[in-house]
Amino acid sequence: MLGERDNRSHAWLQRGSLIVDITADQFADCPLGPVYVGEDTGWHDVFAGEDLHVADYSIFDDHTKASLGASFARITGI
């Protein structure tokens, strides 16, 4: 998801009501902590977020897919 508030953009991952936000702490009014993984609390609603595309590296060009695929393999051990 990508949203904007007070001329500042913010992005997070969301699937249904599950949210993964690794940069929430850049906003002083965020009650969720520096990294948030959990159910939707409503805090993200103020950004009027819009779903841009599926979070899947395979939608990119061959070079980017190879680079991100290698990183994914190192992280997951697959």
PDB file of N, CA and C in Angstrom:
ATOM      1  N   MET A   1       0.844  -1.169   0.000  1.00  0.00           N
ATOM      2  CA  MET A   1       0.000   0.000   0.000  1.00  0.00           C
ATOM      3  C   MET A   1       0.892   1.235   0.000  1.00  0.00           C
ATOM      4  N   LEU A   2       0.383   2.270  -0.604  1.00  0.00           N
ATOM      5  CA  LEU A   2       1.090   3.549  -0.627  1.00  0.00           C
ATOM      6  C   LEU A   2       0.078   4.637  -0.346  1.00  0.00           C
ATOM      7  N   GLY A   3       0.396   5.498   0.591  1.00  0.00           N
ATOM      8  CA  GLY A   3      -0.504   6.591   0.927  1.00  0.00           C
ATOM      9  C   GLY A   3       0.279   7.854   1.210  1.00  0.00           C
ATOM     10  N   GLU A   4      -0.455   8.935   1.410  1.00  0.00           N
ATOM     11  CA  GLU A   4       0.176  10.221   1.672  1.00  0.00           C
ATOM     12  C   GLU A   4      -0.621  10.981   2.722  1.00  0.00           C
ATOM     13  N   ARG A   5       0.122  11.709   3.547  1.00  0.00           N
ATOM     14  CA  ARG A   5      -0.470  12.549   4.573  1.00  0.00           C
ATOM     15  C   ARG A   5       0.464  13.726   4.804  1.00  0.00           C
ATOM     16  N   ASP A   6      -0.064  14.914   4.839  1.00  0.00           N
ATOM     17  CA  ASP A   6       0.745  16.122   5.091  1.00  0.00           C
ATOM     18  C   ASP A   6       1.954  16.190   4.175  1.00  0.00           C
ATOM     19  N   ASN A   7       1.742  15.874   2.904  1.00  0.00           N
ATOM     20  CA  ASN A   7       2.796  15.900   1.881  1.00  0.00           C
ATOM     21  C   ASN A   7       3.944  14.933   2.157  1.00  0.00           C
ATOM     22  N   ARG A   8       3.682  13.886   2.931  1.00  0.00           N
ATOM     23  CA  ARG A   8       4.669  12.835   3.188  1.00  0.00           C
ATOM     24  C   ARG A   8       4.058  11.511   2.768  1.00  0.00           C
ATOM     25  N   SER A   9       4.822  10.758   1.996  1.00  0.00           N
ATOM     26  CA  SER A   9       4.318   9.450   1.573  1.00  0.00           C
ATOM     27  C   SER A   9       4.737   8.378   2.571  1.00  0.00           C
ATOM     28  N   HIS A  10       3.988   7.291   2.551  1.00  0.00           N
ATOM     29  CA  HIS A  10       4.290   6.169   3.426  1.00  0.00           C
ATOM     30  C   HIS A  10       3.846   4.891   2.731  1.00  0.00           C
ATOM     31  N   ALA A  11       4.659   3.850   2.809  1.00  0.00           N
ATOM     32  CA  ALA A  11       4.338   2.571   2.181  1.00  0.00           C
ATOM     33  C   ALA A  11       4.421   1.453   3.204  1.00  0.00           C
ATOM     34  N   TRP A  12       3.566   0.462   3.031  1.00  0.00           N
ATOM     35  CA  TRP A  12       3.559  -0.714   3.895  1.00  0.00           C
ATOM     36  C   TRP A  12       2.964  -1.871   3.123  1.00  0.00           C
ATOM     37  N   LEU A  13       3.192  -3.068   3.614  1.00  0.00           N
ATOM     38  CA  LEU A  13       2.609  -4.258   3.002  1.00  0.00           C
ATOM     39  C   LEU A  13       1.321  -4.596   3.730  1.00  0.00           C
ATOM     40  N   GLN A  14       0.326  -4.998   2.968  1.00  0.00           N
ATOM     41  CA  GLN A  14      -0.934  -5.371   3.591  1.00  0.00           C
ATOM     42  C   GLN A  14      -1.616  -6.453   2.757  1.00  0.00           C
ATOM     43  N   ARG A  15      -2.087  -7.462   3.467  1.00  0.00           N
ATOM     44  CA  ARG A  15      -2.885  -8.512   2.844  1.00  0.00           C
ATOM     45  C   ARG A  15      -4.080  -8.754   3.753  1.00  0.00           C
ATOM     46  N   GLY A  16      -5.239  -8.379   3.270  1.00  0.00           N
ATOM     47  CA  GLY A  16      -6.414  -8.420   4.120  1.00  0.00           C
ATOM     48  C   GLY A  16      -6.217  -7.469   5.278  1.00  0.00           C
ATOM     49  N   SER A  17      -6.369  -7.970   6.494  1.00  0.00           N
ATOM     50  CA  SER A  17      -6.185  -7.109   7.671  1.00  0.00           C
ATOM     51  C   SER A  17      -4.781  -7.207   8.267  1.00  0.00           C
ATOM     52  N   LEU A  18      -3.911  -8.037   7.675  1.00  0.00           N
ATOM     53  CA  LEU A  18      -2.534  -8.173   8.173  1.00  0.00           C
ATOM     54  C   LEU A  18      -1.659  -7.081   7.576  1.00  0.00           C
ATOM     55  N   ILE A  19      -0.946  -6.365   8.433  1.00  0.00           N
ATOM     56  CA  ILE A  19      -0.071  -5.269   8.012  1.00  0.00           C
ATOM     57  C   ILE A  19       1.356  -5.552   8.458  1.00  0.00           C
ATOM     58  N   VAL A  20       2.299  -5.289   7.548  1.00  0.00           N
ATOM     59  CA  VAL A  20       3.729  -5.322   7.853  1.00  0.00           C
ATOM     60  C   VAL A  20       4.258  -3.931   7.523  1.00  0.00           C
ATOM     61  N   ASP A  21       4.715  -3.222   8.517  1.00  0.00           N
ATOM     62  CA  ASP A  21       5.187  -1.848   8.345  1.00  0.00           C
ATOM     63  C   ASP A  21       6.529  -1.706   9.058  1.00  0.00           C
ATOM     64  N   ILE A  22       7.593  -1.600   8.280  1.00  0.00           N
ATOM     65  CA  ILE A  22       8.935  -1.535   8.870  1.00  0.00           C
ATOM     66  C   ILE A  22       9.430  -0.101   9.051  1.00  0.00           C
ATOM     67  N   THR A  23       8.614   0.879   8.682  1.00  0.00           N
ATOM     68  CA  THR A  23       9.048   2.279   8.815  1.00  0.00           C
ATOM     69  C   THR A  23       8.014   3.148   9.514  1.00  0.00           C
ATOM     70  N   ALA A  24       7.141   2.553  10.282  1.00  0.00           N
ATOM     71  CA  ALA A  24       6.084   3.321  10.963  1.00  0.00           C
ATOM     72  C   ALA A  24       6.657   4.337  11.942  1.00  0.00           C
ATOM     73  N   ASP A  25       7.846   4.076  12.465  1.00  0.00           N
ATOM     74  CA  ASP A  25       8.410   4.956  13.485  1.00  0.00           C
ATOM     75  C   ASP A  25       8.860   6.308  12.948  1.00  0.00           C
ATOM     76  N   GLN A  26       8.775   6.535  11.650  1.00  0.00           N
ATOM     77  CA  GLN A  26       9.132   7.842  11.112  1.00  0.00           C
ATOM     78  C   GLN A  26       8.050   8.887  11.414  1.00  0.00           C
ATOM     79  N   PHE A  27       6.925   8.439  11.948  1.00  0.00           N
ATOM     80  CA  PHE A  27       5.835   9.336  12.290  1.00  0.00           C
ATOM     81  C   PHE A  27       5.683   9.385  13.806  1.00  0.00           C
ATOM     82  N   ALA A  28       5.817  10.577  14.362  1.00  0.00           N
ATOM     83  CA  ALA A  28       5.803  10.746  15.812  1.00  0.00           C
ATOM     84  C   ALA A  28       4.491  10.295  16.452  1.00  0.00           C
ATOM     85  N   ASP A  29       3.399  10.353  15.701  1.00  0.00           N
ATOM     86  CA  ASP A  29       2.106   9.989  16.271  1.00  0.00           C
ATOM     87  C   ASP A  29       1.761   8.512  16.116  1.00  0.00           C
ATOM     88  N   CYS A  30       2.707   7.713  15.626  1.00  0.00           N
ATOM     89  CA  CYS A  30       2.427   6.293  15.415  1.00  0.00           C
ATOM     90  C   CYS A  30       2.542   5.532  16.737  1.00  0.00           C
ATOM     91  N   PRO A  31       1.451   4.907  17.166  1.00  0.00           N
ATOM     92  CA  PRO A  31       1.474   4.170  18.424  1.00  0.00           C
ATOM     93  C   PRO A  31       1.921   2.715  18.267  1.00  0.00           C
ATOM     94  N   LEU A  32       2.356   2.333  17.067  1.00  0.00           N
ATOM     95  CA  LEU A  32       2.599   0.926  16.773  1.00  0.00           C
ATOM     96  C   LEU A  32       4.022   0.454  17.029  1.00  0.00           C
ATOM     97  N   GLY A  33       4.946   1.352  17.264  1.00  0.00           N
ATOM     98  CA  GLY A  33       6.341   0.970  17.470  1.00  0.00           C
ATOM     99  C   GLY A  33       7.133   1.091  16.182  1.00  0.00           C
ATOM    100  N   PRO A  34       8.429   0.842  16.250  1.00  0.00           N
ATOM    101  CA  PRO A  34       9.295   1.040  15.083  1.00  0.00           C
ATOM    102  C   PRO A  34       9.006   0.073  13.937  1.00  0.00           C
ATOM    103  N   VAL A  35       8.655  -1.144  14.250  1.00  0.00           N
ATOM    104  CA  VAL A  35       8.287  -2.146  13.242  1.00  0.00           C
ATOM    105  C   VAL A  35       6.980  -2.765  13.704  1.00  0.00           C
ATOM    106  N   TYR A  36       6.024  -2.801  12.789  1.00  0.00           N
ATOM    107  CA  TYR A  36       4.723  -3.347  13.171  1.00  0.00           C
ATOM    108  C   TYR A  36       4.335  -4.490  12.246  1.00  0.00           C
ATOM    109  N   VAL A  37       3.993  -5.615  12.846  1.00  0.00           N
ATOM    110  CA  VAL A  37       3.426  -6.757  12.130  1.00  0.00           C
ATOM    111  C   VAL A  37       2.210  -7.180  12.930  1.00  0.00           C
ATOM    112  N   GLY A  38       1.049  -7.018  12.345  1.00  0.00           N
ATOM    113  CA  GLY A  38      -0.163  -7.379  13.071  1.00  0.00           C
ATOM    114  C   GLY A  38      -1.411  -6.993  12.317  1.00  0.00           C
ATOM    115  N   GLU A  39      -2.510  -7.097  13.018  1.00  0.00           N
ATOM    116  CA  GLU A  39      -3.807  -6.780  12.429  1.00  0.00           C
ATOM    117  C   GLU A  39      -3.962  -5.270  12.250  1.00  0.00           C
ATOM    118  N   ASP A  40      -4.774  -4.900  11.293  1.00  0.00           N
ATOM    119  CA  ASP A  40      -5.059  -3.498  11.010  1.00  0.00           C
ATOM    120  C   ASP A  40      -5.606  -2.815  12.258  1.00  0.00           C
ATOM    121  N   THR A  41      -4.995  -1.684  12.632  1.00  0.00           N
ATOM    122  CA  THR A  41      -5.437  -0.937  13.810  1.00  0.00           C
ATOM    123  C   THR A  41      -6.215   0.318  13.439  1.00  0.00           C
ATOM    124  N   GLY A  42      -6.242   0.649  12.165  1.00  0.00           N
ATOM    125  CA  GLY A  42      -6.892   1.875  11.716  1.00  0.00           C
ATOM    126  C   GLY A  42      -5.928   3.038  11.562  1.00  0.00           C
ATOM    127  N   TRP A  43      -4.722   2.936  12.146  1.00  0.00           N
ATOM    128  CA  TRP A  43      -3.767   4.041  12.064  1.00  0.00           C
ATOM    129  C   TRP A  43      -3.392   4.344  10.619  1.00  0.00           C
ATOM    130  N   HIS A  44      -3.254   3.339   9.798  1.00  0.00           N
ATOM    131  CA  HIS A  44      -2.854   3.542   8.405  1.00  0.00           C
ATOM    132  C   HIS A  44      -3.949   4.205   7.559  1.00  0.00           C
ATOM    133  N   ASP A  45      -5.174   4.209   8.047  1.00  0.00           N
ATOM    134  CA  ASP A  45      -6.281   4.799   7.298  1.00  0.00           C
ATOM    135  C   ASP A  45      -6.068   6.278   6.990  1.00  0.00           C
ATOM    136  N   VAL A  46      -5.331   6.987   7.845  1.00  0.00           N
ATOM    137  CA  VAL A  46      -5.128   8.425   7.628  1.00  0.00           C
ATOM    138  C   VAL A  46      -4.287   8.707   6.383  1.00  0.00           C
ATOM    139  N   PHE A  47      -3.636   7.683   5.845  1.00  0.00           N
ATOM    140  CA  PHE A  47      -2.823   7.870   4.645  1.00  0.00           C
ATOM    141  C   PHE A  47      -3.615   7.639   3.364  1.00  0.00           C
ATOM    142  N   ALA A  48      -4.862   7.247   3.481  1.00  0.00           N
ATOM    143  CA  ALA A  48      -5.692   6.967   2.303  1.00  0.00           C
ATOM    144  C   ALA A  48      -4.899   6.113   1.323  1.00  0.00           C
ATOM    145  N   GLY A  49      -4.370   5.011   1.829  1.00  0.00           N
ATOM    146  CA  GLY A  49      -3.503   4.151   1.029  1.00  0.00           C
ATOM    147  C   GLY A  49      -4.193   3.553  -0.172  1.00  0.00           C
ATOM    148  N   GLU A  50      -3.405   3.350  -1.214  1.00  0.00           N
ATOM    149  CA  GLU A  50      -3.929   2.705  -2.409  1.00  0.00           C
ATOM    150  C   GLU A  50      -3.055   1.516  -2.750  1.00  0.00           C
ATOM    151  N   ASP A  51      -3.683   0.469  -3.195  1.00  0.00           N
ATOM    152  CA  ASP A  51      -3.010  -0.766  -3.563  1.00  0.00           C
ATOM    153  C   ASP A  51      -2.414  -0.574  -4.945  1.00  0.00           C
ATOM    154  N   LEU A  52      -1.070  -0.547  -5.051  1.00  0.00           N
ATOM    155  CA  LEU A  52      -0.425  -0.266  -6.329  1.00  0.00           C
ATOM    156  C   LEU A  52      -0.260  -1.503  -7.198  1.00  0.00           C
ATOM    157  N   HIS A  53       0.228  -2.580  -6.622  1.00  0.00           N
ATOM    158  CA  HIS A  53       0.414  -3.825  -7.363  1.00  0.00           C
ATOM    159  C   HIS A  53       0.727  -4.942  -6.379  1.00  0.00           C
ATOM    160  N   VAL A  54       0.687  -6.138  -6.884  1.00  0.00           N
ATOM    161  CA  VAL A  54       1.015  -7.296  -6.069  1.00  0.00           C
ATOM    162  C   VAL A  54       2.476  -7.214  -5.652  1.00  0.00           C
ATOM    163  N   ALA A  55       2.782  -7.520  -4.418  1.00  0.00           N
ATOM    164  CA  ALA A  55       4.161  -7.507  -3.925  1.00  0.00           C
ATOM    165  C   ALA A  55       4.835  -8.809  -4.345  1.00  0.00           C
ATOM    166  N   ASP A  56       5.298  -8.848  -5.579  1.00  0.00           N
ATOM    167  CA  ASP A  56       5.898 -10.051  -6.148  1.00  0.00           C
ATOM    168  C   ASP A  56       7.021  -9.637  -7.086  1.00  0.00           C
ATOM    169  N   TYR A  57       8.232  -9.993  -6.742  1.00  0.00           N
ATOM    170  CA  TYR A  57       9.365  -9.563  -7.553  1.00  0.00           C
ATOM    171  C   TYR A  57       9.363 -10.160  -8.959  1.00  0.00           C
ATOM    172  N   SER A  58       8.567 -11.179  -9.197  1.00  0.00           N
ATOM    173  CA  SER A  58       8.553 -11.798 -10.529  1.00  0.00           C
ATOM    174  C   SER A  58       7.864 -10.933 -11.580  1.00  0.00           C
ATOM    175  N   ILE A  59       7.267  -9.806 -11.170  1.00  0.00           N
ATOM    176  CA  ILE A  59       6.622  -8.928 -12.143  1.00  0.00           C
ATOM    177  C   ILE A  59       7.621  -7.984 -12.813  1.00  0.00           C
ATOM    178  N   PHE A  60       8.873  -7.983 -12.353  1.00  0.00           N
ATOM    179  CA  PHE A  60       9.870  -7.063 -12.879  1.00  0.00           C
ATOM    180  C   PHE A  60      10.668  -7.676 -14.031  1.00  0.00           C
ATOM    181  N   ASP A  61      11.573  -6.885 -14.601  1.00  0.00           N
ATOM    182  CA  ASP A  61      12.413  -7.340 -15.713  1.00  0.00           C
ATOM    183  C   ASP A  61      13.354  -8.459 -15.256  1.00  0.00           C
ATOM    184  N   ASP A  62      13.969  -9.150 -16.217  1.00  0.00           N
ATOM    185  CA  ASP A  62      14.802 -10.321 -15.917  1.00  0.00           C
ATOM    186  C   ASP A  62      15.950 -10.015 -14.963  1.00  0.00           C
ATOM    187  N   HIS A  63      16.634  -8.898 -15.161  1.00  0.00           N
ATOM    188  CA  HIS A  63      17.766  -8.537 -14.295  1.00  0.00           C
ATOM    189  C   HIS A  63      17.294  -8.346 -12.845  1.00  0.00           C
ATOM    190  N   THR A  64      16.208  -7.598 -12.673  1.00  0.00           N
ATOM    191  CA  THR A  64      15.681  -7.337 -11.332  1.00  0.00           C
ATOM    192  C   THR A  64      15.179  -8.624 -10.690  1.00  0.00           C
ATOM    193  N   LYS A  65      14.486  -9.457 -11.462  1.00  0.00           N
ATOM    194  CA  LYS A  65      14.010 -10.741 -10.924  1.00  0.00           C
ATOM    195  C   LYS A  65      15.174 -11.592 -10.436  1.00  0.00           C
ATOM    196  N   ALA A  66      16.268 -11.640 -11.218  1.00  0.00           N
ATOM    197  CA  ALA A  66      17.425 -12.448 -10.829  1.00  0.00           C
ATOM    198  C   ALA A  66      18.055 -11.909  -9.546  1.00  0.00           C
ATOM    199  N   SER A  67      18.211 -10.605  -9.462  1.00  0.00           N
ATOM    200  CA  SER A  67      18.822  -9.984  -8.289  1.00  0.00           C
ATOM    201  C   SER A  67      17.970 -10.193  -7.036  1.00  0.00           C
ATOM    202  N   LEU A  68      16.677  -9.910  -7.152  1.00  0.00           N
ATOM    203  CA  LEU A  68      15.797 -10.080  -6.001  1.00  0.00           C
ATOM    204  C   LEU A  68      15.600 -11.549  -5.650  1.00  0.00           C
ATOM    205  N   GLY A  69      15.585 -12.412  -6.665  1.00  0.00           N
ATOM    206  CA  GLY A  69      15.456 -13.847  -6.426  1.00  0.00           C
ATOM    207  C   GLY A  69      16.642 -14.386  -5.641  1.00  0.00           C
ATOM    208  N   ALA A  70      17.846 -13.917  -5.984  1.00  0.00           N
ATOM    209  CA  ALA A  70      19.044 -14.341  -5.262  1.00  0.00           C
ATOM    210  C   ALA A  70      18.997 -13.864  -3.807  1.00  0.00           C
ATOM    211  N   SER A  71      18.541 -12.636  -3.594  1.00  0.00           N
ATOM    212  CA  SER A  71      18.413 -12.113  -2.229  1.00  0.00           C
ATOM    213  C   SER A  71      17.374 -12.917  -1.443  1.00  0.00           C
ATOM    214  N   PHE A  72      16.257 -13.212  -2.074  1.00  0.00           N
ATOM    215  CA  PHE A  72      15.208 -13.989  -1.425  1.00  0.00           C
ATOM    216  C   PHE A  72      15.735 -15.366  -1.027  1.00  0.00           C
ATOM    217  N   ALA A  73      16.507 -15.997  -1.917  1.00  0.00           N
ATOM    218  CA  ALA A  73      17.063 -17.311  -1.627  1.00  0.00           C
ATOM    219  C   ALA A  73      18.029 -17.265  -0.431  1.00  0.00           C
ATOM    220  N   ARG A  74      18.855 -16.208  -0.367  1.00  0.00           N
ATOM    221  CA  ARG A  74      19.791 -16.082   0.757  1.00  0.00           C
ATOM    222  C   ARG A  74      19.031 -15.884   2.071  1.00  0.00           C
ATOM    223  N   ILE A  75      17.983 -15.084   2.033  1.00  0.00           N
ATOM    224  CA  ILE A  75      17.229 -14.798   3.255  1.00  0.00           C
ATOM    225  C   ILE A  75      16.453 -16.021   3.730  1.00  0.00           C
ATOM    226  N   THR A  76      15.821 -16.710   2.806  1.00  0.00           N
ATOM    227  CA  THR A  76      14.962 -17.836   3.183  1.00  0.00           C
ATOM    228  C   THR A  76      15.663 -19.162   3.248  1.00  0.00           C
ATOM    229  N   GLY A  77      16.875 -19.241   2.659  1.00  0.00           N
ATOM    230  CA  GLY A  77      17.608 -20.500   2.639  1.00  0.00           C
ATOM    231  C   GLY A  77      17.075 -21.493   1.612  1.00  0.00           C
ATOM    232  N   ILE A  78      16.221 -20.999   0.715  1.00  0.00           N
ATOM    233  CA  ILE A  78      15.644 -21.871  -0.320  1.00  0.00           C
ATOM    234  C   ILE A  78      16.595 -21.964  -1.496  1.00  0.00           C
TER     235      ILE A  78
END
